[in-house]
PDB file of N, CA and C in Angstrom:
ATOM      1  N   MET A   1       3.291  -6.606   7.212  1.00  0.00           N
ATOM      2  CA  MET A   1       2.909  -5.487   7.476  1.00  0.00           C
ATOM      3  C   MET A   1       2.389  -5.176   9.481  1.00  0.00           C
ATOM      4  N   GLU A   2       2.338  -3.847   9.515  1.00  0.00           N
ATOM      5  CA  GLU A   2       2.783  -3.121  11.077  1.00  0.00           C
ATOM      6  C   GLU A   2       1.359  -3.452  11.749  1.00  0.00           C
ATOM      7  N   ASN A   3       1.063  -4.294  13.024  1.00  0.00           N
ATOM      8  CA  ASN A   3      -0.011  -3.702  13.068  1.00  0.00           C
ATOM      9  C   ASN A   3      -0.637  -2.586  14.094  1.00  0.00           C
ATOM     10  N   ILE A   4      -2.112  -2.709  13.408  1.00  0.00           N
ATOM     11  CA  ILE A   4      -2.914  -1.266  13.234  1.00  0.00           C
ATOM     12  C   ILE A   4      -3.386  -0.864  14.955  1.00  0.00           C
ATOM     13  N   ILE A   5      -3.435   0.192  15.097  1.00  0.00           N
ATOM     14  CA  ILE A   5      -3.660   0.783  16.224  1.00  0.00           C
ATOM     15  C   ILE A   5      -5.551   0.185  16.415  1.00  0.00           C
ATOM     16  N   TYR A   6      -5.648  -0.236  17.139  1.00  0.00           N
ATOM     17  CA  TYR A   6      -7.169  -1.172  17.439  1.00  0.00           C
ATOM     18  C   TYR A   6      -7.701  -1.291  18.897  1.00  0.00           C
ATOM     19  N   ASP A   7      -8.362  -0.516  19.330  1.00  0.00           N
ATOM     20  CA  ASP A   7      -8.436  -1.266  21.246  1.00  0.00           C
ATOM     21  C   ASP A   7      -9.734  -2.101  21.459  1.00  0.00           C
ATOM     22  N   THR A   8      -9.070  -3.456  20.963  1.00  0.00           N
ATOM     23  CA  THR A   8     -10.185  -4.636  21.096  1.00  0.00           C
ATOM     24  C   THR A   8     -11.163  -4.507  22.094  1.00  0.00           C
ATOM     25  N   LEU A   9     -10.088  -4.256  23.563  1.00  0.00           N
ATOM     26  CA  LEU A   9     -10.652  -4.190  24.723  1.00  0.00           C
ATOM     27  C   LEU A   9     -12.081  -3.511  25.067  1.00  0.00           C
ATOM     28  N   ALA A  10     -11.852  -1.898  24.505  1.00  0.00           N
ATOM     29  CA  ALA A  10     -12.607  -1.182  24.427  1.00  0.00           C
ATOM     30  C   ALA A  10     -13.574  -1.281  23.594  1.00  0.00           C
ATOM     31  N   TYR A  11     -13.505  -2.452  22.484  1.00  0.00           N
ATOM     32  CA  TYR A  11     -14.931  -2.562  21.586  1.00  0.00           C
ATOM     33  C   TYR A  11     -15.448  -3.291  22.542  1.00  0.00           C
ATOM     34  N   VAL A  12     -15.178  -4.600  23.094  1.00  0.00           N
ATOM     35  CA  VAL A  12     -15.686  -5.577  23.537  1.00  0.00           C
ATOM     36  C   VAL A  12     -16.061  -4.930  24.755  1.00  0.00           C
ATOM     37  N   LYS A  13     -15.878  -4.301  25.599  1.00  0.00           N
ATOM     38  CA  LYS A  13     -16.488  -3.633  26.819  1.00  0.00           C
ATOM     39  C   LYS A  13     -17.850  -2.684  26.380  1.00  0.00           C
ATOM     40  N   LYS A  14     -18.027  -2.179  24.545  1.00  0.00           N
ATOM     41  CA  LYS A  14     -18.883  -1.520  24.140  1.00  0.00           C
ATOM     42  C   LYS A  14     -19.733  -2.602  23.972  1.00  0.00           C
ATOM     43  N   LEU A  15     -19.736  -3.580  22.985  1.00  0.00           N
ATOM     44  CA  LEU A  15     -20.480  -5.040  22.725  1.00  0.00           C
ATOM     45  C   LEU A  15     -21.258  -5.268  23.750  1.00  0.00           C
ATOM     46  N   LYS A  16     -20.643  -5.671  25.013  1.00  0.00           N
ATOM     47  CA  LYS A  16     -21.108  -6.218  26.129  1.00  0.00           C
ATOM     48  C   LYS A  16     -22.065  -5.353  26.589  1.00  0.00           C
ATOM     49  N   LYS A  17     -21.954  -3.843  26.426  1.00  0.00           N
ATOM     50  CA  LYS A  17     -22.973  -3.159  27.512  1.00  0.00           C
ATOM     51  C   LYS A  17     -23.858  -3.085  26.559  1.00  0.00           C
ATOM     52  N   VAL A  18     -23.727  -2.938  25.314  1.00  0.00           N
ATOM     53  CA  VAL A  18     -25.271  -3.624  24.579  1.00  0.00           C
ATOM     54  C   VAL A  18     -25.982  -4.760  24.425  1.00  0.00           C
ATOM     55  N   GLY A  19     -24.932  -5.524  25.564  1.00  0.00           N
ATOM     56  CA  GLY A  19     -26.108  -7.119  25.342  1.00  0.00           C
ATOM     57  C   GLY A  19     -24.871  -8.047  25.018  1.00  0.00           C
ATOM     58  N   PHE A  20     -24.276  -8.049  23.565  1.00  0.00           N
ATOM     59  CA  PHE A  20     -23.464  -9.079  23.547  1.00  0.00           C
ATOM     60  C   PHE A  20     -22.751  -9.956  24.456  1.00  0.00           C
ATOM     61  N   THR A  21     -22.662 -11.160  24.359  1.00  0.00           N
ATOM     62  CA  THR A  21     -22.535 -12.295  24.923  1.00  0.00           C
ATOM     63  C   THR A  21     -20.935 -12.111  25.523  1.00  0.00           C
ATOM     64  N   ASP A  22     -19.676 -12.506  26.592  1.00  0.00           N
ATOM     65  CA  ASP A  22     -18.377 -12.208  26.292  1.00  0.00           C
ATOM     66  C   ASP A  22     -18.031 -12.818  25.296  1.00  0.00           C
ATOM     67  N   GLU A  23     -18.138 -14.254  24.739  1.00  0.00           N
ATOM     68  CA  GLU A  23     -18.030 -14.643  22.989  1.00  0.00           C
ATOM     69  C   GLU A  23     -17.845 -13.599  21.859  1.00  0.00           C
ATOM     70  N   GLN A  24     -19.479 -13.867  21.481  1.00  0.00           N
ATOM     71  CA  GLN A  24     -19.692 -12.789  20.731  1.00  0.00           C
ATOM     72  C   GLN A  24     -18.647 -11.280  20.869  1.00  0.00           C
ATOM     73  N   ALA A  25     -18.715 -10.941  21.799  1.00  0.00           N
ATOM     74  CA  ALA A  25     -17.736  -9.590  21.518  1.00  0.00           C
ATOM     75  C   ALA A  25     -16.172  -9.996  21.375  1.00  0.00           C
ATOM     76  N   GLU A  26     -16.028 -10.868  22.068  1.00  0.00           N
ATOM     77  CA  GLU A  26     -14.763 -11.471  21.525  1.00  0.00           C
ATOM     78  C   GLU A  26     -14.193 -11.656  20.331  1.00  0.00           C
ATOM     79  N   ILE A  27     -14.888 -12.360  19.644  1.00  0.00           N
ATOM     80  CA  ILE A  27     -14.951 -12.465  18.454  1.00  0.00           C
ATOM     81  C   ILE A  27     -15.457 -11.874  17.240  1.00  0.00           C
ATOM     82  N   GLN A  28     -16.106 -10.906  17.536  1.00  0.00           N
ATOM     83  CA  GLN A  28     -16.158  -9.225  16.787  1.00  0.00           C
ATOM     84  C   GLN A  28     -15.030  -8.706  16.670  1.00  0.00           C
ATOM     85  N   ALA A  29     -14.542  -8.989  18.494  1.00  0.00           N
ATOM     86  CA  ALA A  29     -13.245  -7.665  18.149  1.00  0.00           C
ATOM     87  C   ALA A  29     -12.383  -8.348  17.324  1.00  0.00           C
ATOM     88  N   GLU A  30     -12.027  -9.494  17.278  1.00  0.00           N
ATOM     89  CA  GLU A  30     -10.356 -10.414  17.108  1.00  0.00           C
ATOM     90  C   GLU A  30     -10.855 -10.216  15.396  1.00  0.00           C
ATOM     91  N   GLU A  31     -12.334 -10.521  14.716  1.00  0.00           N
ATOM     92  CA  GLU A  31     -12.441 -10.356  13.532  1.00  0.00           C
ATOM     93  C   GLU A  31     -11.708  -9.131  12.799  1.00  0.00           C
ATOM     94  N   ILE A  32     -12.521  -7.841  13.677  1.00  0.00           N
ATOM     95  CA  ILE A  32     -12.154  -6.742  12.940  1.00  0.00           C
ATOM     96  C   ILE A  32     -10.840  -6.108  13.242  1.00  0.00           C
ATOM     97  N   ALA A  33     -10.182  -6.886  13.852  1.00  0.00           N
ATOM     98  CA  ALA A  33      -8.255  -6.866  14.213  1.00  0.00           C
ATOM     99  C   ALA A  33      -7.829  -7.386  13.101  1.00  0.00           C
ATOM    100  N   ARG A  34      -8.050  -8.609  12.725  1.00  0.00           N
ATOM    101  CA  ARG A  34      -7.957  -9.594  11.931  1.00  0.00           C
ATOM    102  C   ARG A  34      -8.062  -9.036  10.379  1.00  0.00           C
ATOM    103  N   ILE A  35      -9.041  -8.586  10.446  1.00  0.00           N
ATOM    104  CA  ILE A  35      -9.748  -7.634   9.011  1.00  0.00           C
ATOM    105  C   ILE A  35      -8.562  -6.252   8.568  1.00  0.00           C
ATOM    106  N   LEU A  36      -8.426  -5.313   9.995  1.00  0.00           N
ATOM    107  CA  LEU A  36      -7.544  -4.390   9.800  1.00  0.00           C
ATOM    108  C   LEU A  36      -6.654  -4.222   9.035  1.00  0.00           C
ATOM    109  N   ASN A  37      -5.672  -5.219   9.917  1.00  0.00           N
ATOM    110  CA  ASN A  37      -4.561  -5.829   9.862  1.00  0.00           C
ATOM    111  C   ASN A  37      -4.089  -6.599   8.645  1.00  0.00           C
ATOM    112  N   GLU A  38      -5.119  -7.372   8.213  1.00  0.00           N
ATOM    113  CA  GLU A  38      -4.414  -7.761   6.326  1.00  0.00           C
ATOM    114  C   GLU A  38      -4.498  -6.752   5.491  1.00  0.00           C
ATOM    115  N   ASN A  39      -5.676  -6.047   5.967  1.00  0.00           N
ATOM    116  CA  ASN A  39      -6.007  -4.912   4.647  1.00  0.00           C
ATOM    117  C   ASN A  39      -5.983  -3.592   4.684  1.00  0.00           C
ATOM    118  N   ILE A  40      -5.811  -2.941   5.550  1.00  0.00           N
ATOM    119  CA  ILE A  40      -5.396  -1.951   5.410  1.00  0.00           C
ATOM    120  C   ILE A  40      -3.939  -1.189   5.502  1.00  0.00           C
ATOM    121  N   ALA A  41      -3.487  -0.108   4.465  1.00  0.00           N
ATOM    122  CA  ALA A  41      -1.942   0.005   4.267  1.00  0.00           C
ATOM    123  C   ALA A  41      -1.518   0.928   5.548  1.00  0.00           C
ATOM    124  N   THR A  42      -0.730   0.754   5.786  1.00  0.00           N
ATOM    125  CA  THR A  42       0.267   1.572   6.589  1.00  0.00           C
ATOM    126  C   THR A  42       1.386   2.730   6.140  1.00  0.00           C
ATOM    127  N   LYS A  43       1.556   3.581   6.568  1.00  0.00           N
ATOM    128  CA  LYS A  43       2.805   4.669   6.061  1.00  0.00           C
ATOM    129  C   LYS A  43       3.978   4.286   5.628  1.00  0.00           C
ATOM    130  N   LYS A  44       4.473   2.395   6.026  1.00  0.00           N
ATOM    131  CA  LYS A  44       5.540   2.290   5.248  1.00  0.00           C
ATOM    132  C   LYS A  44       5.047   1.650   4.301  1.00  0.00           C
ATOM    133  N   ASP A  45       3.771   0.731   4.046  1.00  0.00           N
ATOM    134  CA  ASP A  45       3.151   0.386   2.650  1.00  0.00           C
ATOM    135  C   ASP A  45       3.031   1.504   1.759  1.00  0.00           C
ATOM    136  N   LEU A  46       2.834   2.320   2.336  1.00  0.00           N
ATOM    137  CA  LEU A  46       2.876   3.678   1.165  1.00  0.00           C
ATOM    138  C   LEU A  46       4.523   4.046   0.535  1.00  0.00           C
ATOM    139  N   LYS A  47       5.321   3.991   1.730  1.00  0.00           N
ATOM    140  CA  LYS A  47       6.604   4.455   0.964  1.00  0.00           C
ATOM    141  C   LYS A  47       7.395   3.543   0.439  1.00  0.00           C
ATOM    142  N   GLU A  48       6.880   2.184   0.625  1.00  0.00           N
ATOM    143  CA  GLU A  48       7.612   1.422  -0.304  1.00  0.00           C
ATOM    144  C   GLU A  48       6.934   1.587  -1.933  1.00  0.00           C
ATOM    145  N   LEU A  49       5.420   1.627  -1.530  1.00  0.00           N
ATOM    146  CA  LEU A  49       4.758   1.996  -2.871  1.00  0.00           C
ATOM    147  C   LEU A  49       5.311   3.118  -3.399  1.00  0.00           C
ATOM    148  N   GLU A  50       5.395   4.651  -3.454  1.00  0.00           N
ATOM    149  CA  GLU A  50       5.705   5.598  -3.446  1.00  0.00           C
ATOM    150  C   GLU A  50       7.417   5.403  -4.157  1.00  0.00           C
ATOM    151  N   PHE A  51       8.884   4.635  -3.315  1.00  0.00           N
ATOM    152  CA  PHE A  51       9.604   4.001  -4.027  1.00  0.00           C
ATOM    153  C   PHE A  51       9.806   3.590  -5.297  1.00  0.00           C
ATOM    154  N   ARG A  52       8.527   2.533  -5.081  1.00  0.00           N
ATOM    155  CA  ARG A  52       8.466   1.258  -6.766  1.00  0.00           C
ATOM    156  C   ARG A  52       7.932   2.366  -7.730  1.00  0.00           C
ATOM    157  N   LEU A  53       6.891   3.044  -7.291  1.00  0.00           N
ATOM    158  CA  LEU A  53       6.302   3.951  -8.302  1.00  0.00           C
ATOM    159  C   LEU A  53       7.426   5.181  -9.067  1.00  0.00           C
ATOM    160  N   LYS A  54       8.382   5.598  -8.392  1.00  0.00           N
ATOM    161  CA  LYS A  54       9.902   6.548  -8.678  1.00  0.00           C
ATOM    162  C   LYS A  54      10.458   5.769  -9.528  1.00  0.00           C
ATOM    163  N   TYR A  55      10.521   4.517  -8.820  1.00  0.00           N
ATOM    164  CA  TYR A  55      11.710   4.111  -9.859  1.00  0.00           C
ATOM    165  C   TYR A  55      11.144   3.134 -11.120  1.00  0.00           C
ATOM    166  N   HIS A  56      10.154   3.627 -11.087  1.00  0.00           N
ATOM    167  CA  HIS A  56       9.313   2.677 -12.743  1.00  0.00           C
ATOM    168  C   HIS A  56       8.991   3.710 -13.467  1.00  0.00           C
ATOM    169  N   ILE A  57       8.646   5.352 -12.927  1.00  0.00           N
ATOM    170  CA  ILE A  57       8.506   6.471 -13.783  1.00  0.00           C
ATOM    171  C   ILE A  57      10.039   6.697 -14.243  1.00  0.00           C
ATOM    172  N   ILE A  58      10.848   6.705 -13.216  1.00  0.00           N
ATOM    173  CA  ILE A  58      12.544   7.378 -14.049  1.00  0.00           C
ATOM    174  C   ILE A  58      12.855   5.970 -15.462  1.00  0.00           C
ATOM    175  N   SER A  59      12.560   4.340 -14.699  1.00  0.00           N
ATOM    176  CA  SER A  59      12.987   3.984 -15.650  1.00  0.00           C
ATOM    177  C   SER A  59      12.343   3.835 -17.130  1.00  0.00           C
ATOM    178  N   ALA A  60      11.387   3.951 -16.926  1.00  0.00           N
ATOM    179  CA  ALA A  60      10.801   4.768 -18.245  1.00  0.00           C
ATOM    180  C   ALA A  60      10.942   5.704 -18.949  1.00  0.00           C
ATOM    181  N   VAL A  61      11.231   6.781 -18.190  1.00  0.00           N
ATOM    182  CA  VAL A  61      11.635   8.294 -18.577  1.00  0.00           C
ATOM    183  C   VAL A  61      12.925   7.913 -19.642  1.00  0.00           C
ATOM    184  N   GLY A  62      13.918   7.172 -18.198  1.00  0.00           N
ATOM    185  CA  GLY A  62      14.951   7.384 -18.955  1.00  0.00           C
ATOM    186  C   GLY A  62      15.036   6.275 -20.230  1.00  0.00           C
ATOM    187  N   GLY A  63      14.330   5.057 -20.391  1.00  0.00           N
ATOM    188  CA  GLY A  63      14.172   4.967 -21.653  1.00  0.00           C
ATOM    189  C   GLY A  63      13.539   5.085 -22.793  1.00  0.00           C
ATOM    190  N   MET A  64      12.718   6.565 -22.311  1.00  0.00           N
ATOM    191  CA  MET A  64      12.138   7.035 -23.694  1.00  0.00           C
ATOM    192  C   MET A  64      13.237   8.177 -24.077  1.00  0.00           C
ATOM    193  N   LEU A  65      14.516   8.762 -22.896  1.00  0.00           N
ATOM    194  CA  LEU A  65      15.216   9.441 -23.021  1.00  0.00           C
ATOM    195  C   LEU A  65      16.401   8.380 -24.223  1.00  0.00           C
ATOM    196  N   VAL A  66      16.563   7.526 -23.755  1.00  0.00           N
ATOM    197  CA  VAL A  66      17.843   6.757 -24.645  1.00  0.00           C
ATOM    198  C   VAL A  66      17.166   6.344 -26.175  1.00  0.00           C
ATOM    199  N   GLY A  67      15.986   6.137 -26.314  1.00  0.00           N
ATOM    200  CA  GLY A  67      15.264   5.786 -27.392  1.00  0.00           C
ATOM    201  C   GLY A  67      15.417   7.067 -28.281  1.00  0.00           C
ATOM    202  N   ALA A  68      15.047   7.965 -27.810  1.00  0.00           N
ATOM    203  CA  ALA A  68      15.049   9.648 -28.614  1.00  0.00           C
ATOM    204  C   ALA A  68      16.775   9.981 -28.847  1.00  0.00           C
ATOM    205  N   VAL A  69      17.538   9.487 -28.253  1.00  0.00           N
ATOM    206  CA  VAL A  69      18.804   9.604 -28.775  1.00  0.00           C
ATOM    207  C   VAL A  69      19.123   8.668 -29.675  1.00  0.00           C
ATOM    208  N   ILE A  70      18.860   7.762 -29.575  1.00  0.00           N
ATOM    209  CA  ILE A  70      19.207   6.899 -30.751  1.00  0.00           C
ATOM    210  C   ILE A  70      18.597   6.923 -32.182  1.00  0.00           C
ATOM    211  N   VAL A  71      17.183   7.421 -32.024  1.00  0.00           N
ATOM    212  CA  VAL A  71      16.148   8.194 -33.277  1.00  0.00           C
ATOM    213  C   VAL A  71      17.118   9.111 -33.769  1.00  0.00           C
ATOM    214  N   ILE A  72      17.860  10.090 -32.681  1.00  0.00           N
ATOM    215  CA  ILE A  72      18.586  11.179 -33.622  1.00  0.00           C
ATOM    216  C   ILE A  72      19.745  10.880 -33.978  1.00  0.00           C
ATOM    217  N   GLY A  73      20.671  10.106 -33.540  1.00  0.00           N
ATOM    218  CA  GLY A  73      21.345   9.613 -33.866  1.00  0.00           C
ATOM    219  C   GLY A  73      21.652   8.994 -35.322  1.00  0.00           C
ATOM    220  N   VAL A  74      20.152   8.269 -35.637  1.00  0.00           N
ATOM    221  CA  VAL A  74      20.430   7.345 -36.912  1.00  0.00           C
ATOM    222  C   VAL A  74      19.725   8.320 -37.665  1.00  0.00           C
ATOM    223  N   LEU A  75      19.182   9.691 -37.371  1.00  0.00           N
ATOM    224  CA  LEU A  75      18.561  10.565 -38.312  1.00  0.00           C
ATOM    225  C   LEU A  75      19.383  11.461 -38.743  1.00  0.00           C
ATOM    226  N   ILE A  76      20.441  12.010 -37.570  1.00  0.00           N
ATOM    227  CA  ILE A  76      22.127  12.504 -38.230  1.00  0.00           C
ATOM    228  C   ILE A  76      22.827  11.940 -39.322  1.00  0.00           C
ATOM    229  N   LYS A  77      23.276  10.427 -38.936  1.00  0.00           N
ATOM    230  CA  LYS A  77      24.114   9.548 -40.082  1.00  0.00           C
ATOM    231  C   LYS A  77      22.794   9.615 -40.769  1.00  0.00           C
ATOM    232  N   ILE A  78      22.118   9.380 -41.207  1.00  0.00           N
ATOM    233  CA  ILE A  78      21.077   9.119 -42.880  1.00  0.00           C
ATOM    234  C   ILE A  78      20.861  10.503 -43.602  1.00  0.00           C
ATOM    235  N   LEU A  79      20.799  11.762 -42.755  1.00  0.00           N
ATOM    236  CA  LEU A  79      20.532  13.015 -43.383  1.00  0.00           C
ATOM    237  C   LEU A  79      22.172  13.358 -43.788  1.00  0.00           C
ATOM    238  N   HIS A  80      23.362  12.933 -43.090  1.00  0.00           N
ATOM    239  CA  HIS A  80      24.945  13.457 -43.653  1.00  0.00           C
ATOM    240  C   HIS A  80      25.303  12.465 -44.951  1.00  0.00           C
TER     241      HIS A  80
END
């Protein structure tokens, strides 16, 4: 997954301003960055999902069309 834009330094500075120690602020900023990077979908992720969904939809519709043609062919053969 691509890196999410998240300014950890600015966040650390804000935390330190309200009384967090250096260590507390840095650990919290690192954990938030890790969670974001592991869990947020990027544009690339969404494009890949869109491609997979389109593929599955096209496959399903194609399968239904083939099935319909076979059923029609069988019915024509039976009825003649």
